[in-house]
N, C-alpha and C. Protein backbone atom coordinates (compact mmCIF):
# COMPACT_ATOMS: atom_id res chain seq x y z
N MET A 1 14.55 -8.63 9.31
CA MET A 1 13.67 -8.36 10.44
C MET A 1 12.22 -8.65 10.04
N THR A 2 11.36 -8.64 11.04
CA THR A 2 9.97 -9.04 10.86
C THR A 2 9.06 -8.12 11.65
N VAL A 3 7.85 -7.93 11.13
CA VAL A 3 6.78 -7.25 11.85
C VAL A 3 5.87 -8.33 12.43
N LEU A 4 5.61 -8.28 13.73
CA LEU A 4 4.73 -9.25 14.39
C LEU A 4 3.38 -8.58 14.63
N VAL A 5 2.31 -9.21 14.14
CA VAL A 5 0.96 -8.65 14.25
C VAL A 5 0.08 -9.59 15.04
N ALA A 6 -0.59 -9.05 16.07
CA ALA A 6 -1.60 -9.81 16.80
C ALA A 6 -2.95 -9.53 16.14
N ARG A 7 -3.60 -10.58 15.62
CA ARG A 7 -4.85 -10.40 14.89
C ARG A 7 -5.95 -11.25 15.51
N SER A 8 -7.14 -10.69 15.54
CA SER A 8 -8.33 -11.41 15.98
C SER A 8 -9.47 -11.08 15.03
N GLN A 9 -10.61 -11.73 15.21
CA GLN A 9 -11.76 -11.46 14.35
C GLN A 9 -12.60 -10.33 14.94
N THR A 10 -11.98 -9.21 15.14
CA THR A 10 -12.65 -8.01 15.63
C THR A 10 -12.24 -6.86 14.73
N ARG A 11 -12.92 -5.73 14.85
CA ARG A 11 -12.51 -4.55 14.09
C ARG A 11 -11.10 -4.13 14.49
N GLU A 12 -10.77 -4.25 15.77
CA GLU A 12 -9.43 -3.89 16.24
C GLU A 12 -8.39 -4.84 15.67
N GLY A 13 -8.72 -6.12 15.57
CA GLY A 13 -7.81 -7.09 14.97
C GLY A 13 -7.57 -6.81 13.51
N ALA A 14 -8.62 -6.43 12.79
CA ALA A 14 -8.48 -6.08 11.38
C ALA A 14 -7.63 -4.82 11.22
N ALA A 15 -7.83 -3.85 12.11
CA ALA A 15 -7.02 -2.62 12.06
C ALA A 15 -5.54 -2.93 12.32
N ALA A 16 -5.28 -3.84 13.26
CA ALA A 16 -3.90 -4.23 13.55
C ALA A 16 -3.27 -4.92 12.34
N PHE A 17 -4.04 -5.78 11.67
CA PHE A 17 -3.54 -6.48 10.50
C PHE A 17 -3.19 -5.47 9.39
N GLU A 18 -4.09 -4.54 9.12
CA GLU A 18 -3.84 -3.54 8.08
C GLU A 18 -2.63 -2.67 8.43
N ALA A 19 -2.54 -2.25 9.69
CA ALA A 19 -1.40 -1.43 10.11
C ALA A 19 -0.10 -2.23 10.04
N GLY A 20 -0.17 -3.51 10.37
CA GLY A 20 1.02 -4.36 10.30
C GLY A 20 1.52 -4.52 8.87
N ILE A 21 0.60 -4.70 7.93
CA ILE A 21 0.98 -4.81 6.52
C ILE A 21 1.62 -3.50 6.06
N ALA A 22 1.01 -2.37 6.42
CA ALA A 22 1.56 -1.07 6.04
C ALA A 22 2.95 -0.87 6.63
N GLU A 23 3.12 -1.25 7.88
CA GLU A 23 4.42 -1.11 8.55
C GLU A 23 5.47 -2.00 7.88
N ALA A 24 5.08 -3.22 7.52
CA ALA A 24 6.01 -4.14 6.85
C ALA A 24 6.44 -3.58 5.49
N ARG A 25 5.51 -3.01 4.76
CA ARG A 25 5.85 -2.43 3.46
C ARG A 25 6.78 -1.24 3.64
N LEU A 26 6.51 -0.43 4.64
CA LEU A 26 7.36 0.73 4.92
C LEU A 26 8.77 0.30 5.28
N ARG A 27 8.90 -0.77 6.05
CA ARG A 27 10.19 -1.25 6.52
C ARG A 27 10.83 -2.27 5.58
N ASN A 28 10.08 -2.70 4.54
CA ASN A 28 10.54 -3.74 3.64
C ASN A 28 10.86 -5.03 4.40
N GLU A 29 9.89 -5.45 5.22
CA GLU A 29 10.04 -6.64 6.06
C GLU A 29 8.89 -7.60 5.83
N ASP A 30 9.07 -8.83 6.29
CA ASP A 30 8.01 -9.83 6.26
C ASP A 30 7.12 -9.66 7.48
N VAL A 31 6.00 -10.36 7.47
CA VAL A 31 5.02 -10.28 8.55
C VAL A 31 4.80 -11.66 9.15
N VAL A 32 4.77 -11.73 10.48
CA VAL A 32 4.31 -12.92 11.19
C VAL A 32 3.03 -12.51 11.89
N VAL A 33 1.94 -13.22 11.56
CA VAL A 33 0.64 -12.94 12.16
C VAL A 33 0.39 -13.95 13.26
N PHE A 34 0.21 -13.45 14.47
CA PHE A 34 -0.19 -14.29 15.61
C PHE A 34 -1.70 -14.25 15.61
N ASP A 35 -2.32 -15.28 15.06
CA ASP A 35 -3.75 -15.26 14.75
C ASP A 35 -4.57 -15.84 15.88
N LEU A 36 -5.08 -14.98 16.73
CA LEU A 36 -5.86 -15.40 17.89
C LEU A 36 -7.16 -16.07 17.50
N ALA A 37 -7.74 -15.71 16.37
CA ALA A 37 -9.03 -16.24 15.95
C ALA A 37 -8.93 -17.62 15.36
N GLU A 38 -7.77 -18.06 14.96
CA GLU A 38 -7.64 -19.32 14.24
C GLU A 38 -6.79 -20.34 15.01
N ALA A 39 -6.92 -20.35 16.31
CA ALA A 39 -6.08 -21.23 17.13
C ALA A 39 -6.20 -22.69 16.74
N ASP A 40 -7.37 -23.11 16.25
CA ASP A 40 -7.52 -24.54 15.94
C ASP A 40 -7.94 -24.79 14.50
N ALA A 41 -7.91 -23.77 13.63
CA ALA A 41 -8.45 -23.95 12.28
C ALA A 41 -7.38 -24.14 11.21
N GLY A 42 -6.13 -23.91 11.50
CA GLY A 42 -5.12 -23.99 10.46
C GLY A 42 -5.11 -22.73 9.63
N THR A 43 -4.14 -22.61 8.74
CA THR A 43 -3.98 -21.35 8.00
C THR A 43 -3.89 -21.57 6.50
N ALA A 44 -4.31 -22.70 6.00
CA ALA A 44 -4.14 -23.00 4.57
C ALA A 44 -4.86 -22.00 3.69
N SER A 45 -5.99 -21.44 4.12
CA SER A 45 -6.76 -20.55 3.26
C SER A 45 -6.34 -19.08 3.39
N PHE A 46 -5.41 -18.77 4.26
CA PHE A 46 -4.97 -17.39 4.44
C PHE A 46 -3.95 -17.01 3.37
N PRO A 47 -3.93 -15.74 2.98
CA PRO A 47 -2.95 -15.32 1.97
C PRO A 47 -1.53 -15.43 2.49
N GLN A 48 -0.64 -15.83 1.61
CA GLN A 48 0.78 -15.93 1.96
C GLN A 48 1.53 -14.65 1.64
N GLU A 49 0.84 -13.74 0.95
CA GLU A 49 1.44 -12.44 0.62
C GLU A 49 0.30 -11.43 0.48
N VAL A 50 0.51 -10.24 1.02
CA VAL A 50 -0.45 -9.15 0.89
C VAL A 50 0.34 -7.88 0.56
N GLN A 51 -0.02 -7.23 -0.51
CA GLN A 51 0.62 -5.99 -0.92
C GLN A 51 2.15 -6.08 -0.91
N GLY A 52 2.67 -7.21 -1.35
CA GLY A 52 4.11 -7.39 -1.46
C GLY A 52 4.80 -7.84 -0.19
N ALA A 53 4.07 -7.98 0.92
CA ALA A 53 4.67 -8.45 2.18
C ALA A 53 4.38 -9.94 2.35
N ALA A 54 5.45 -10.72 2.54
CA ALA A 54 5.29 -12.16 2.78
C ALA A 54 4.74 -12.36 4.19
N ILE A 55 3.77 -13.28 4.31
CA ILE A 55 3.10 -13.49 5.59
C ILE A 55 3.20 -14.94 6.01
N THR A 56 3.54 -15.16 7.27
CA THR A 56 3.44 -16.48 7.89
C THR A 56 2.52 -16.33 9.09
N TYR A 57 1.94 -17.44 9.51
CA TYR A 57 0.94 -17.42 10.58
C TYR A 57 1.37 -18.31 11.73
N ARG A 58 1.08 -17.84 12.91
CA ARG A 58 1.28 -18.63 14.13
C ARG A 58 0.01 -18.50 14.95
N SER A 59 -0.31 -19.50 15.72
CA SER A 59 -1.50 -19.48 16.57
C SER A 59 -1.12 -19.86 17.98
N PRO A 60 -1.88 -19.36 18.96
CA PRO A 60 -1.65 -19.82 20.33
C PRO A 60 -2.07 -21.28 20.44
N ARG A 61 -1.59 -21.94 21.46
CA ARG A 61 -2.02 -23.31 21.69
C ARG A 61 -3.54 -23.33 21.85
N GLU A 62 -4.15 -24.39 21.44
CA GLU A 62 -5.61 -24.49 21.40
C GLU A 62 -6.27 -24.18 22.74
N TYR A 63 -5.68 -24.63 23.83
CA TYR A 63 -6.31 -24.46 25.14
C TYR A 63 -5.60 -23.42 26.00
N SER A 64 -4.85 -22.56 25.38
CA SER A 64 -4.10 -21.56 26.13
C SER A 64 -5.04 -20.51 26.72
N ARG A 65 -4.76 -20.11 27.95
CA ARG A 65 -5.51 -19.03 28.58
C ARG A 65 -4.72 -17.74 28.58
N ASP A 66 -3.48 -17.77 28.10
CA ASP A 66 -2.62 -16.61 28.16
C ASP A 66 -2.06 -16.29 26.78
N ALA A 67 -2.93 -15.82 25.90
CA ALA A 67 -2.49 -15.50 24.54
C ALA A 67 -1.46 -14.38 24.55
N ALA A 68 -1.61 -13.41 25.45
CA ALA A 68 -0.64 -12.31 25.52
C ALA A 68 0.74 -12.86 25.88
N GLY A 69 0.80 -13.78 26.82
CA GLY A 69 2.07 -14.40 27.19
C GLY A 69 2.68 -15.17 26.04
N GLU A 70 1.85 -15.88 25.28
CA GLU A 70 2.35 -16.62 24.13
C GLU A 70 2.85 -15.68 23.04
N LEU A 71 2.15 -14.54 22.85
CA LEU A 71 2.62 -13.55 21.89
C LEU A 71 3.98 -13.02 22.31
N LEU A 72 4.15 -12.73 23.59
CA LEU A 72 5.43 -12.24 24.08
C LEU A 72 6.53 -13.30 23.93
N ASP A 73 6.19 -14.57 24.16
CA ASP A 73 7.16 -15.65 23.93
C ASP A 73 7.58 -15.71 22.47
N LEU A 74 6.61 -15.58 21.57
CA LEU A 74 6.92 -15.59 20.14
C LEU A 74 7.81 -14.39 19.78
N ALA A 75 7.52 -13.24 20.37
CA ALA A 75 8.35 -12.06 20.11
C ALA A 75 9.78 -12.30 20.57
N GLN A 76 9.97 -12.95 21.69
CA GLN A 76 11.32 -13.29 22.16
C GLN A 76 12.01 -14.21 21.15
N GLU A 77 11.24 -15.14 20.58
CA GLU A 77 11.78 -16.12 19.65
C GLU A 77 12.20 -15.50 18.31
N ILE A 78 11.35 -14.64 17.75
CA ILE A 78 11.63 -14.13 16.40
C ILE A 78 12.26 -12.74 16.39
N ASP A 79 12.31 -12.05 17.51
CA ASP A 79 12.92 -10.73 17.63
C ASP A 79 12.43 -9.76 16.55
N PRO A 80 11.13 -9.40 16.60
CA PRO A 80 10.58 -8.52 15.57
C PRO A 80 11.08 -7.09 15.70
N SER A 81 11.00 -6.34 14.61
CA SER A 81 11.36 -4.93 14.68
C SER A 81 10.25 -4.13 15.36
N VAL A 82 9.01 -4.61 15.27
CA VAL A 82 7.87 -3.96 15.92
C VAL A 82 6.76 -5.00 16.11
N ILE A 83 5.96 -4.80 17.15
CA ILE A 83 4.78 -5.62 17.41
C ILE A 83 3.57 -4.71 17.21
N VAL A 84 2.59 -5.17 16.43
CA VAL A 84 1.40 -4.37 16.16
C VAL A 84 0.20 -5.04 16.83
N ILE A 85 -0.51 -4.28 17.66
CA ILE A 85 -1.69 -4.79 18.35
C ILE A 85 -2.86 -3.83 18.15
N GLY A 86 -4.07 -4.34 18.25
CA GLY A 86 -5.27 -3.51 18.21
C GLY A 86 -5.72 -3.21 19.63
N LEU A 87 -6.27 -2.03 19.82
CA LEU A 87 -6.78 -1.61 21.12
C LEU A 87 -8.27 -1.32 21.04
N ARG A 88 -8.97 -1.59 22.12
CA ARG A 88 -10.37 -1.21 22.23
C ARG A 88 -10.58 -0.51 23.55
N HIS A 89 -11.60 0.32 23.59
CA HIS A 89 -11.90 1.05 24.82
C HIS A 89 -12.52 0.09 25.83
N ARG A 90 -12.05 0.19 27.07
CA ARG A 90 -12.61 -0.62 28.16
C ARG A 90 -13.00 0.29 29.29
N SER A 91 -14.01 -0.12 30.01
CA SER A 91 -14.46 0.68 31.15
C SER A 91 -13.44 0.57 32.27
N PRO A 92 -13.41 1.53 33.19
CA PRO A 92 -12.49 1.44 34.33
C PRO A 92 -12.69 0.17 35.15
N VAL A 93 -13.94 -0.27 35.32
CA VAL A 93 -14.20 -1.50 36.08
C VAL A 93 -13.67 -2.71 35.32
N GLY A 94 -13.87 -2.72 34.00
CA GLY A 94 -13.36 -3.83 33.19
C GLY A 94 -11.85 -3.93 33.28
N LYS A 95 -11.18 -2.79 33.29
CA LYS A 95 -9.72 -2.79 33.42
C LYS A 95 -9.30 -3.32 34.78
N LEU A 96 -10.01 -2.93 35.81
CA LEU A 96 -9.67 -3.35 37.17
C LEU A 96 -9.89 -4.84 37.37
N LEU A 97 -11.02 -5.36 36.91
CA LEU A 97 -11.36 -6.75 37.16
C LEU A 97 -10.66 -7.73 36.23
N LEU A 98 -10.50 -7.37 34.98
CA LEU A 98 -10.00 -8.31 34.00
C LEU A 98 -8.54 -8.13 33.61
N GLY A 99 -7.94 -7.02 33.99
CA GLY A 99 -6.58 -6.75 33.54
C GLY A 99 -6.61 -6.39 32.07
N SER A 100 -5.47 -6.33 31.44
CA SER A 100 -5.42 -5.94 30.04
C SER A 100 -4.28 -6.65 29.34
N ALA A 101 -4.64 -7.45 28.34
CA ALA A 101 -3.61 -8.12 27.55
C ALA A 101 -2.75 -7.09 26.84
N ALA A 102 -3.39 -6.03 26.32
CA ALA A 102 -2.64 -4.98 25.63
C ALA A 102 -1.64 -4.32 26.59
N GLN A 103 -2.08 -4.07 27.80
CA GLN A 103 -1.18 -3.46 28.79
C GLN A 103 0.01 -4.38 29.08
N GLN A 104 -0.26 -5.67 29.21
CA GLN A 104 0.82 -6.63 29.45
C GLN A 104 1.83 -6.61 28.30
N ILE A 105 1.32 -6.58 27.07
CA ILE A 105 2.21 -6.55 25.91
C ILE A 105 3.01 -5.26 25.87
N LEU A 106 2.34 -4.13 26.11
CA LEU A 106 3.02 -2.83 26.10
C LEU A 106 4.13 -2.77 27.13
N LEU A 107 3.89 -3.32 28.31
CA LEU A 107 4.86 -3.22 29.40
C LEU A 107 5.98 -4.26 29.33
N GLU A 108 5.69 -5.43 28.79
CA GLU A 108 6.67 -6.52 28.84
C GLU A 108 7.42 -6.77 27.55
N ALA A 109 6.95 -6.24 26.44
CA ALA A 109 7.61 -6.51 25.16
C ALA A 109 8.99 -5.86 25.11
N HIS A 110 9.93 -6.57 24.50
CA HIS A 110 11.28 -6.03 24.33
C HIS A 110 11.42 -5.28 23.01
N ALA A 111 10.41 -5.37 22.16
CA ALA A 111 10.40 -4.65 20.88
C ALA A 111 9.42 -3.48 21.00
N PRO A 112 9.56 -2.47 20.16
CA PRO A 112 8.56 -1.40 20.15
C PRO A 112 7.17 -1.98 19.82
N VAL A 113 6.13 -1.36 20.38
CA VAL A 113 4.76 -1.81 20.16
C VAL A 113 3.98 -0.67 19.51
N LEU A 114 3.33 -0.98 18.39
CA LEU A 114 2.45 -0.05 17.72
C LEU A 114 1.04 -0.46 18.06
N ALA A 115 0.33 0.37 18.80
CA ALA A 115 -1.05 0.08 19.20
C ALA A 115 -1.99 0.91 18.34
N VAL A 116 -2.94 0.24 17.67
CA VAL A 116 -3.86 0.93 16.77
C VAL A 116 -5.29 0.72 17.22
N LYS A 117 -6.13 1.71 16.91
CA LYS A 117 -7.55 1.61 17.18
C LYS A 117 -8.28 1.44 15.86
N ALA A 118 -9.42 0.79 15.92
CA ALA A 118 -10.25 0.63 14.73
C ALA A 118 -10.94 1.94 14.42
N ALA A 119 -11.27 2.14 13.16
CA ALA A 119 -12.02 3.33 12.77
C ALA A 119 -13.39 3.27 13.44
N PRO A 120 -13.96 4.40 13.77
CA PRO A 120 -15.30 4.41 14.40
C PRO A 120 -16.31 3.69 13.50
N ALA A 121 -17.24 3.00 14.14
CA ALA A 121 -18.29 2.30 13.39
C ALA A 121 -19.19 3.33 12.71
N ALA A 122 -19.57 3.01 11.49
CA ALA A 122 -20.40 3.96 10.72
C ALA A 122 -21.85 3.85 11.09
């Protein structure tokens, strides 16, 4: 089995990555990182192993507008034991106008979803 982690270049993305590594070590599983920040940069410089967990990377298509949908498609493909995502606080108006990728993942994923928040800024 595999732990699927959605990562971005935000504090929430970093928290999701750290939680995903911890979850993979706990479960003795590999990690697939769906790297939102590196859609067009390639992954040659990323570590292939962290704290004993083997890591592979996947990116959304370069011009995709629906990264949450692509993450869900990937989850269908690899059948992870858990999906790890980062959450951030949004205003009620922001939720109403923009929707929520996290909400879409939570509601549509066929695997359990671990949602993590970043530590408060110092």
